[in-house]
Amino acid sequence: MPVNTTTSGKKEIPEGLWTKCKKCEQIIYNKELEENLKVCPKCGYYFRLSARERIEQLTEPKSFKEFDEHLSPTDPLGFPDYAKKIKSYNVPDAIVTGEGKIGPYKAILAVMDFEFMGGSMGSVVGEKITRAAEKAIDKKLPLIIASSSGGARMQEGVLSLMQMAKTSAALARLSDKGLPFISLLTDPTTGGVTASFAMLGDVIVAEPKALIGFAGPRVIEQTIRQQLPEGFQLSEFVQQHGMIDIIIERKELKNTLIKLLNYFVSPGKKA
């Protein structure tokens, strides 16, 4: 008598339930990963966050009000395939700006998104950071910028490079008004972003093991033809050499920002 070997009753595992850690290669249940703020519970590897995820982790529920969301890049130089590439993403550009509450404190936030062209800084990123600084001045609020970027966007040439001076000038005006700027460095923060606004914070905070520098380690090794020390350009190395102030684990980041805002902001500036 033939044996029925059909598997019609077999349940298939839905896609999107599991994620493989890029460091330890362990399989993680996505719900567990989300509950752990996208930090691997096995080895502590920090997954990159989108701008929206970062904002959700840092701000009070439904408190964030985005502004300048309509700004999107053009193709001023006619760079090959650039116009097509920027239309392929489901977000307008590599940064989200707005006003939100962190604990009891209102703040202006600018949060970069590495998923959009490596978080590169073009005209829109520079303009939105400048407007965020101006909004902070107008509303007399602290400014927090979370960086995650490979640097200036080569497809916009000198128009991208000029954003370094533009954003730095805006932050100088913020400083002249006596308003605080907290800079949060996440993996990676490199290139023209490091050489401009990311390193101008009154307090510079970094996540653990974040790559922070100007040129990448491979470029430096090929240039100087020497092997770099272990951990070179990671946040721990950078802190030891005086470039950042504190390294904070992701689970403690919101509470740390609340403490910093409490120090900087007078009681009258609470929401």
C-alpha atoms as a PDB file:
ATOM      1  CA  MET A   1       0.000   0.000   0.000  1.00  0.00           C
ATOM      2  CA  PRO A   2       1.539   3.370  -1.005  1.00  0.00           C
ATOM      3  CA  VAL A   3       2.501   5.744   1.810  1.00  0.00           C
ATOM      4  CA  ASN A   4       1.164   9.294   1.711  1.00  0.00           C
ATOM      5  CA  THR A   5       4.169  11.630   1.948  1.00  0.00           C
ATOM      6  CA  THR A   6       2.443  14.916   1.177  1.00  0.00           C
ATOM      7  CA  THR A   7       3.349  17.881   3.355  1.00  0.00           C
ATOM      8  CA  SER A   8       0.258  19.953   2.705  1.00  0.00           C
ATOM      9  CA  GLY A   9      -0.370  20.218   6.439  1.00  0.00           C
ATOM     10  CA  LYS A  10       3.139  21.489   7.202  1.00  0.00           C
ATOM     11  CA  LYS A  11       3.242  25.013   8.580  1.00  0.00           C
ATOM     12  CA  GLU A  12       5.638  27.396   6.900  1.00  0.00           C
ATOM     13  CA  ILE A  13       7.596  29.864   9.014  1.00  0.00           C
ATOM     14  CA  PRO A  14       6.660  33.419   7.963  1.00  0.00           C
ATOM     15  CA  GLU A  15       9.445  35.639   6.708  1.00  0.00           C
ATOM     16  CA  GLY A  16      10.635  38.548   8.811  1.00  0.00           C
ATOM     17  CA  LEU A  17      10.590  36.734  12.161  1.00  0.00           C
ATOM     18  CA  TRP A  18      14.336  36.304  12.576  1.00  0.00           C
ATOM     19  CA  THR A  19      17.523  38.299  12.035  1.00  0.00           C
ATOM     20  CA  LYS A  20      21.083  36.999  11.816  1.00  0.00           C
ATOM     21  CA  CYS A  21      23.609  38.977  13.843  1.00  0.00           C
ATOM     22  CA  LYS A  22      26.379  40.359  11.634  1.00  0.00           C
ATOM     23  CA  LYS A  23      28.977  39.820  14.355  1.00  0.00           C
ATOM     24  CA  CYS A  24      28.263  36.562  16.202  1.00  0.00           C
ATOM     25  CA  GLU A  25      26.037  35.127  13.418  1.00  0.00           C
ATOM     26  CA  GLN A  26      23.463  33.955  15.942  1.00  0.00           C
ATOM     27  CA  ILE A  27      19.811  33.931  14.883  1.00  0.00           C
ATOM     28  CA  ILE A  28      17.733  36.424  16.883  1.00  0.00           C
ATOM     29  CA  TYR A  29      13.961  36.559  17.189  1.00  0.00           C
ATOM     30  CA  ASN A  30      13.000  39.992  15.836  1.00  0.00           C
ATOM     31  CA  LYS A  31      10.677  40.772  18.729  1.00  0.00           C
ATOM     32  CA  GLU A  32      13.529  40.129  21.161  1.00  0.00           C
ATOM     33  CA  LEU A  33      15.824  42.317  19.056  1.00  0.00           C
ATOM     34  CA  GLU A  34      13.309  45.182  19.045  1.00  0.00           C
ATOM     35  CA  GLU A  35      12.809  44.909  22.804  1.00  0.00           C
ATOM     36  CA  ASN A  36      16.585  45.148  23.214  1.00  0.00           C
ATOM     37  CA  LEU A  37      16.658  48.376  21.134  1.00  0.00           C
ATOM     38  CA  LYS A  38      18.284  46.564  18.200  1.00  0.00           C
ATOM     39  CA  VAL A  39      21.307  45.464  20.193  1.00  0.00           C
ATOM     40  CA  CYS A  40      22.207  41.786  19.822  1.00  0.00           C
ATOM     41  CA  PRO A  41      21.321  40.051  23.126  1.00  0.00           C
ATOM     42  CA  LYS A  42      24.008  37.429  22.441  1.00  0.00           C
ATOM     43  CA  CYS A  43      27.116  39.525  21.748  1.00  0.00           C
ATOM     44  CA  GLY A  44      26.102  43.184  22.170  1.00  0.00           C
ATOM     45  CA  TYR A  45      26.466  44.112  18.491  1.00  0.00           C
ATOM     46  CA  TYR A  46      24.756  47.412  17.660  1.00  0.00           C
ATOM     47  CA  PHE A  47      22.479  47.226  14.640  1.00  0.00           C
ATOM     48  CA  ARG A  48      22.073  50.528  12.830  1.00  0.00           C
ATOM     49  CA  LEU A  49      18.816  52.371  13.397  1.00  0.00           C
ATOM     50  CA  SER A  50      16.773  54.273  10.865  1.00  0.00           C
ATOM     51  CA  ALA A  51      16.071  57.918  11.666  1.00  0.00           C
ATOM     52  CA  ARG A  52      12.482  57.032  12.602  1.00  0.00           C
ATOM     53  CA  GLU A  53      13.610  54.230  14.920  1.00  0.00           C
ATOM     54  CA  ARG A  54      16.096  56.527  16.634  1.00  0.00           C
ATOM     55  CA  ILE A  55      13.470  59.222  17.143  1.00  0.00           C
ATOM     56  CA  GLU A  56      11.016  56.680  18.549  1.00  0.00           C
ATOM     57  CA  GLN A  57      13.612  55.452  21.047  1.00  0.00           C
ATOM     58  CA  LEU A  58      14.588  58.931  22.246  1.00  0.00           C
ATOM     59  CA  THR A  59      11.347  60.930  22.334  1.00  0.00           C
ATOM     60  CA  GLU A  60       8.121  60.674  24.270  1.00  0.00           C
ATOM     61  CA  PRO A  61       5.241  58.947  22.441  1.00  0.00           C
ATOM     62  CA  LYS A  62       3.524  61.164  19.848  1.00  0.00           C
ATOM     63  CA  SER A  63       5.579  64.198  20.898  1.00  0.00           C
ATOM     64  CA  PHE A  64       7.731  64.468  17.762  1.00  0.00           C
ATOM     65  CA  LYS A  65       6.553  66.979  15.165  1.00  0.00           C
ATOM     66  CA  GLU A  66       8.556  66.843  11.946  1.00  0.00           C
ATOM     67  CA  PHE A  67       9.343  69.946   9.924  1.00  0.00           C
ATOM     68  CA  ASP A  68      10.828  70.549   6.461  1.00  0.00           C
ATOM     69  CA  GLU A  69       9.801  67.025   5.454  1.00  0.00           C
ATOM     70  CA  HIS A  70       9.047  68.287   1.928  1.00  0.00           C
ATOM     71  CA  LEU A  71      12.716  69.040   1.152  1.00  0.00           C
ATOM     72  CA  SER A  72      14.231  66.558  -1.287  1.00  0.00           C
ATOM     73  CA  PRO A  73      17.443  66.599  -3.353  1.00  0.00           C
ATOM     74  CA  THR A  74      17.772  67.582  -6.989  1.00  0.00           C
ATOM     75  CA  ASP A  75      20.543  66.745  -9.450  1.00  0.00           C
ATOM     76  CA  PRO A  76      22.349  70.091  -9.915  1.00  0.00           C
ATOM     77  CA  LEU A  77      25.415  68.602 -11.617  1.00  0.00           C
ATOM     78  CA  GLY A  78      23.639  66.081 -13.826  1.00  0.00           C
ATOM     79  CA  PHE A  79      25.655  63.318 -12.158  1.00  0.00           C
ATOM     80  CA  PRO A  80      25.137  59.961 -13.929  1.00  0.00           C
ATOM     81  CA  ASP A  81      22.242  57.961 -12.421  1.00  0.00           C
ATOM     82  CA  TYR A  82      21.988  60.267  -9.374  1.00  0.00           C
ATOM     83  CA  ALA A  83      18.429  61.415 -10.113  1.00  0.00           C
ATOM     84  CA  LYS A  84      17.349  57.805 -10.569  1.00  0.00           C
ATOM     85  CA  LYS A  85      19.095  56.690  -7.390  1.00  0.00           C
ATOM     86  CA  ILE A  86      17.543  59.283  -5.082  1.00  0.00           C
ATOM     87  CA  LYS A  87      14.085  58.300  -6.325  1.00  0.00           C
ATOM     88  CA  SER A  88      14.700  54.654  -5.448  1.00  0.00           C
ATOM     89  CA  TYR A  89      14.436  55.284  -1.691  1.00  0.00           C
ATOM     90  CA  ASN A  90      11.212  55.479   0.282  1.00  0.00           C
ATOM     91  CA  VAL A  91      12.463  58.476   2.303  1.00  0.00           C
ATOM     92  CA  PRO A  92      13.207  61.979   0.912  1.00  0.00           C
ATOM     93  CA  ASP A  93      16.829  62.201   2.112  1.00  0.00           C
ATOM     94  CA  ALA A  94      19.324  61.129   4.750  1.00  0.00           C
ATOM     95  CA  ILE A  95      17.951  63.175   7.665  1.00  0.00           C
ATOM     96  CA  VAL A  96      14.753  63.813   9.615  1.00  0.00           C
ATOM     97  CA  THR A  97      14.310  67.024  11.620  1.00  0.00           C
ATOM     98  CA  GLY A  98      11.655  68.146  14.042  1.00  0.00           C
ATOM     99  CA  GLU A  99      10.712  69.116  17.577  1.00  0.00           C
ATOM    100  CA  GLY A 100      10.034  66.587  20.298  1.00  0.00           C
ATOM    101  CA  LYS A 101      10.105  65.912  24.014  1.00  0.00           C
ATOM    102  CA  ILE A 102      12.849  63.938  25.731  1.00  0.00           C
ATOM    103  CA  GLY A 103      11.559  63.325  29.207  1.00  0.00           C
ATOM    104  CA  PRO A 104      10.083  66.662  30.341  1.00  0.00           C
ATOM    105  CA  TYR A 105      12.262  68.725  28.000  1.00  0.00           C
ATOM    106  CA  LYS A 106      11.490  70.077  24.557  1.00  0.00           C
ATOM    107  CA  ALA A 107      14.313  69.908  22.031  1.00  0.00           C
ATOM    108  CA  ILE A 108      14.988  70.279  18.331  1.00  0.00           C
ATOM    109  CA  LEU A 109      16.250  67.037  16.812  1.00  0.00           C
ATOM    110  CA  ALA A 110      18.088  66.278  13.577  1.00  0.00           C
ATOM    111  CA  VAL A 111      18.581  62.543  13.054  1.00  0.00           C
ATOM    112  CA  MET A 112      20.555  61.108  10.150  1.00  0.00           C
ATOM    113  CA  ASP A 113      19.677  57.890   8.326  1.00  0.00           C
ATOM    114  CA  PHE A 114      22.544  55.773   6.985  1.00  0.00           C
ATOM    115  CA  GLU A 115      20.191  53.760   4.782  1.00  0.00           C
ATOM    116  CA  PHE A 116      19.818  56.713   2.398  1.00  0.00           C
ATOM    117  CA  MET A 117      23.030  56.757   0.348  1.00  0.00           C
ATOM    118  CA  GLY A 118      25.182  55.961   3.359  1.00  0.00           C
ATOM    119  CA  GLY A 119      23.839  58.956   5.270  1.00  0.00           C
ATOM    120  CA  SER A 120      25.823  61.205   2.948  1.00  0.00           C
ATOM    121  CA  MET A 121      25.540  64.966   3.396  1.00  0.00           C
ATOM    122  CA  GLY A 122      24.210  66.812   0.379  1.00  0.00           C
ATOM    123  CA  SER A 123      22.441  70.141   0.019  1.00  0.00           C
ATOM    124  CA  VAL A 124      19.239  68.932   1.693  1.00  0.00           C
ATOM    125  CA  VAL A 125      21.025  67.521   4.746  1.00  0.00           C
ATOM    126  CA  GLY A 126      22.985  70.756   5.168  1.00  0.00           C
ATOM    127  CA  GLU A 127      19.877  72.888   4.701  1.00  0.00           C
ATOM    128  CA  LYS A 128      17.802  70.887   7.181  1.00  0.00           C
ATOM    129  CA  ILE A 129      20.528  70.982   9.846  1.00  0.00           C
ATOM    130  CA  THR A 130      20.870  74.737   9.320  1.00  0.00           C
ATOM    131  CA  ARG A 131      17.108  75.207   9.612  1.00  0.00           C
ATOM    132  CA  ALA A 132      17.059  73.019  12.730  1.00  0.00           C
ATOM    133  CA  ALA A 133      19.687  75.261  14.346  1.00  0.00           C
ATOM    134  CA  GLU A 134      17.701  78.356  13.340  1.00  0.00           C
ATOM    135  CA  LYS A 135      14.514  76.807  14.741  1.00  0.00           C
ATOM    136  CA  ALA A 136      16.333  76.121  18.019  1.00  0.00           C
ATOM    137  CA  ILE A 137      17.392  79.786  18.125  1.00  0.00           C
ATOM    138  CA  ASP A 138      13.868  81.035  17.373  1.00  0.00           C
ATOM    139  CA  LYS A 139      12.289  78.794  20.022  1.00  0.00           C
ATOM    140  CA  LYS A 140      15.198  79.043  22.478  1.00  0.00           C
ATOM    141  CA  LEU A 141      15.486  75.257  22.639  1.00  0.00           C
ATOM    142  CA  PRO A 142      18.459  72.881  22.809  1.00  0.00           C
ATOM    143  CA  LEU A 143      19.569  71.136  19.624  1.00  0.00           C
ATOM    144  CA  ILE A 144      20.417  67.438  19.371  1.00  0.00           C
ATOM    145  CA  ILE A 145      21.957  66.001  16.202  1.00  0.00           C
ATOM    146  CA  ALA A 146      22.392  62.234  15.797  1.00  0.00           C
ATOM    147  CA  SER A 147      24.998  61.556  13.117  1.00  0.00           C
ATOM    148  CA  SER A 148      25.328  58.429  10.999  1.00  0.00           C
ATOM    149  CA  SER A 149      27.144  59.188   7.785  1.00  0.00           C
ATOM    150  CA  GLY A 150      29.874  58.264   5.366  1.00  0.00           C
ATOM    151  CA  GLY A 151      30.576  61.951   4.729  1.00  0.00           C
ATOM    152  CA  ALA A 152      29.906  64.447   1.948  1.00  0.00           C
ATOM    153  CA  ARG A 153      27.828  63.327  -1.055  1.00  0.00           C
ATOM    154  CA  MET A 154      30.159  63.221  -4.038  1.00  0.00           C
ATOM    155  CA  GLN A 155      27.253  63.370  -6.514  1.00  0.00           C
ATOM    156  CA  GLU A 156      26.705  67.017  -5.531  1.00  0.00           C
ATOM    157  CA  GLY A 157      30.361  68.041  -5.682  1.00  0.00           C
ATOM    158  CA  VAL A 158      31.268  71.398  -4.150  1.00  0.00           C
ATOM    159  CA  LEU A 159      27.606  72.032  -3.270  1.00  0.00           C
ATOM    160  CA  SER A 160      27.940  69.177  -0.816  1.00  0.00           C
ATOM    161  CA  LEU A 161      31.277  70.358   0.568  1.00  0.00           C
ATOM    162  CA  MET A 162      29.946  73.863   1.245  1.00  0.00           C
ATOM    163  CA  GLN A 163      27.430  72.350   3.693  1.00  0.00           C
ATOM    164  CA  MET A 164      30.329  71.821   6.090  1.00  0.00           C
ATOM    165  CA  ALA A 165      30.843  75.575   6.426  1.00  0.00           C
ATOM    166  CA  LYS A 166      27.119  76.308   6.281  1.00  0.00           C
ATOM    167  CA  THR A 167      26.188  73.989   9.158  1.00  0.00           C
ATOM    168  CA  SER A 168      29.189  75.086  11.228  1.00  0.00           C
ATOM    169  CA  ALA A 169      28.179  78.739  10.838  1.00  0.00           C
ATOM    170  CA  ALA A 170      24.617  77.932  11.933  1.00  0.00           C
ATOM    171  CA  LEU A 171      25.929  76.180  15.041  1.00  0.00           C
ATOM    172  CA  ALA A 172      28.164  79.167  15.807  1.00  0.00           C
ATOM    173  CA  ARG A 173      25.058  81.372  15.822  1.00  0.00           C
ATOM    174  CA  LEU A 174      23.363  78.879  18.149  1.00  0.00           C
ATOM    175  CA  SER A 175      26.354  79.014  20.490  1.00  0.00           C
ATOM    176  CA  ASP A 176      26.356  82.826  20.420  1.00  0.00           C
ATOM    177  CA  LYS A 177      22.797  82.707  21.780  1.00  0.00           C
ATOM    178  CA  GLY A 178      23.926  80.524  24.674  1.00  0.00           C
ATOM    179  CA  LEU A 179      21.856  77.534  23.541  1.00  0.00           C
ATOM    180  CA  PRO A 180      23.175  73.983  24.000  1.00  0.00           C
ATOM    181  CA  PHE A 181      24.042  71.575  21.201  1.00  0.00           C
ATOM    182  CA  ILE A 182      24.406  67.883  22.043  1.00  0.00           C
ATOM    183  CA  SER A 183      26.079  65.808  19.333  1.00  0.00           C
ATOM    184  CA  LEU A 184      25.368  62.071  19.240  1.00  0.00           C
ATOM    185  CA  LEU A 185      27.801  60.004  17.169  1.00  0.00           C
ATOM    186  CA  THR A 186      26.652  56.598  15.942  1.00  0.00           C
ATOM    187  CA  ASP A 187      28.195  54.024  13.640  1.00  0.00           C
ATOM    188  CA  PRO A 188      29.582  55.314  11.340  1.00  0.00           C
ATOM    189  CA  THR A 189      30.355  59.024  11.646  1.00  0.00           C
ATOM    190  CA  THR A 190      33.027  59.864   9.100  1.00  0.00           C
ATOM    191  CA  GLY A 191      34.209  62.243   6.383  1.00  0.00           C
ATOM    192  CA  GLY A 192      32.829  65.753   6.048  1.00  0.00           C
ATOM    193  CA  VAL A 193      30.260  65.184   8.795  1.00  0.00           C
ATOM    194  CA  THR A 194      33.038  64.485  11.307  1.00  0.00           C
ATOM    195  CA  ALA A 195      34.986  67.453   9.942  1.00  0.00           C
ATOM    196  CA  SER A 196      32.070  69.818  10.573  1.00  0.00           C
ATOM    197  CA  PHE A 197      28.964  69.774  12.753  1.00  0.00           C
ATOM    198  CA  ALA A 198      29.382  66.349  14.396  1.00  0.00           C
ATOM    199  CA  MET A 199      32.423  67.451  16.413  1.00  0.00           C
ATOM    200  CA  LEU A 200      31.101  70.876  17.435  1.00  0.00           C
ATOM    201  CA  GLY A 201      28.796  69.785  20.251  1.00  0.00           C
ATOM    202  CA  ASP A 202      28.939  71.289  23.719  1.00  0.00           C
ATOM    203  CA  VAL A 203      28.806  67.640  24.745  1.00  0.00           C
ATOM    204  CA  ILE A 204      29.774  64.886  22.311  1.00  0.00           C
ATOM    205  CA  VAL A 205      28.182  61.525  23.082  1.00  0.00           C
ATOM    206  CA  ALA A 206      28.892  58.276  21.227  1.00  0.00           C
ATOM    207  CA  GLU A 207      27.486  54.773  21.145  1.00  0.00           C
ATOM    208  CA  PRO A 208      29.911  51.917  21.899  1.00  0.00           C
ATOM    209  CA  LYS A 209      32.113  50.559  19.088  1.00  0.00           C
ATOM    210  CA  ALA A 210      31.011  53.278  16.647  1.00  0.00           C
ATOM    211  CA  LEU A 211      33.414  54.070  13.805  1.00  0.00           C
ATOM    212  CA  ILE A 212      34.368  57.745  14.150  1.00  0.00           C
ATOM    213  CA  GLY A 213      36.939  59.482  11.991  1.00  0.00           C
ATOM    214  CA  PHE A 214      37.631  61.364   8.787  1.00  0.00           C
ATOM    215  CA  ALA A 215      39.149  58.902   6.319  1.00  0.00           C
ATOM    216  CA  GLY A 216      38.368  55.234   6.880  1.00  0.00           C
ATOM    217  CA  PRO A 217      40.984  52.901   8.383  1.00  0.00           C
ATOM    218  CA  ARG A 218      41.600  51.063   5.095  1.00  0.00           C
ATOM    219  CA  VAL A 219      42.320  54.330   3.290  1.00  0.00           C
ATOM    220  CA  ILE A 220      44.732  55.402   6.038  1.00  0.00           C
ATOM    221  CA  GLU A 221      46.564  52.060   6.014  1.00  0.00           C
ATOM    222  CA  GLN A 222      46.961  52.190   2.243  1.00  0.00           C
ATOM    223  CA  THR A 223      48.215  55.775   2.431  1.00  0.00           C
ATOM    224  CA  ILE A 224      50.759  55.454   5.241  1.00  0.00           C
ATOM    225  CA  ARG A 225      51.521  51.770   4.500  1.00  0.00           C
ATOM    226  CA  GLN A 226      51.383  50.854   8.170  1.00  0.00           C
ATOM    227  CA  GLN A 227      49.092  48.626  10.191  1.00  0.00           C
ATOM    228  CA  LEU A 228      46.817  50.583  12.497  1.00  0.00           C
ATOM    229  CA  PRO A 229      46.366  49.670  16.177  1.00  0.00           C
ATOM    230  CA  GLU A 230      43.455  47.463  17.153  1.00  0.00           C
ATOM    231  CA  GLY A 231      40.251  49.414  17.685  1.00  0.00           C
ATOM    232  CA  PHE A 232      41.584  52.431  15.792  1.00  0.00           C
ATOM    233  CA  GLN A 233      38.797  55.007  15.191  1.00  0.00           C
ATOM    234  CA  LEU A 234      36.247  53.156  17.307  1.00  0.00           C
ATOM    235  CA  SER A 235      34.515  55.333  19.885  1.00  0.00           C
ATOM    236  CA  GLU A 236      36.546  53.884  22.779  1.00  0.00           C
ATOM    237  CA  PHE A 237      39.834  54.734  21.013  1.00  0.00           C
ATOM    238  CA  VAL A 238      38.544  58.182  20.057  1.00  0.00           C
ATOM    239  CA  GLN A 239      37.487  58.919  23.641  1.00  0.00           C
ATOM    240  CA  GLN A 240      40.904  57.912  24.972  1.00  0.00           C
ATOM    241  CA  HIS A 241      42.416  60.509  22.642  1.00  0.00           C
ATOM    242  CA  GLY A 242      40.104  63.297  23.796  1.00  0.00           C
ATOM    243  CA  MET A 243      37.806  63.699  20.786  1.00  0.00           C
ATOM    244  CA  ILE A 244      34.533  62.745  22.492  1.00  0.00           C
ATOM    245  CA  ASP A 245      33.204  63.191  26.007  1.00  0.00           C
ATOM    246  CA  ILE A 246      31.220  60.085  26.917  1.00  0.00           C
ATOM    247  CA  ILE A 247      30.245  56.677  25.551  1.00  0.00           C
ATOM    248  CA  ILE A 248      26.738  55.586  26.459  1.00  0.00           C
ATOM    249  CA  GLU A 249      25.009  52.269  25.855  1.00  0.00           C
ATOM    250  CA  ARG A 250      21.846  52.551  23.812  1.00  0.00           C
ATOM    251  CA  LYS A 251      19.594  51.471  26.685  1.00  0.00           C
ATOM    252  CA  GLU A 252      20.928  54.365  28.798  1.00  0.00           C
ATOM    253  CA  LEU A 253      21.006  56.967  26.038  1.00  0.00           C
ATOM    254  CA  LYS A 254      17.609  58.560  26.627  1.00  0.00           C
ATOM    255  CA  ASN A 255      18.174  58.881  30.380  1.00  0.00           C
ATOM    256  CA  THR A 256      21.608  60.387  29.731  1.00  0.00           C
ATOM    257  CA  LEU A 257      20.126  62.982  27.379  1.00  0.00           C
ATOM    258  CA  ILE A 258      17.525  63.858  30.010  1.00  0.00           C
ATOM    259  CA  LYS A 259      20.307  64.416  32.564  1.00  0.00           C
ATOM    260  CA  LEU A 260      22.247  66.593  30.119  1.00  0.00           C
ATOM    261  CA  LEU A 261      19.159  68.620  29.253  1.00  0.00           C
ATOM    262  CA  ASN A 262      18.426  69.029  32.950  1.00  0.00           C
ATOM    263  CA  TYR A 263      21.908  70.497  33.350  1.00  0.00           C
ATOM    264  CA  PHE A 264      21.665  72.827  30.351  1.00  0.00           C
ATOM    265  CA  VAL A 265      18.024  73.884  30.422  1.00  0.00           C
ATOM    266  CA  SER A 266      16.528  76.164  33.060  1.00  0.00           C
ATOM    267  CA  PRO A 267      13.320  74.943  34.782  1.00  0.00           C
ATOM    268  CA  GLY A 268      11.290  77.440  32.784  1.00  0.00           C
ATOM    269  CA  LYS A 269      12.174  75.678  29.528  1.00  0.00           C
ATOM    270  CA  LYS A 270      10.481  72.404  30.439  1.00  0.00           C
ATOM    271  CA  ALA A 271       7.524  71.389  28.273  1.00  0.00           C
END
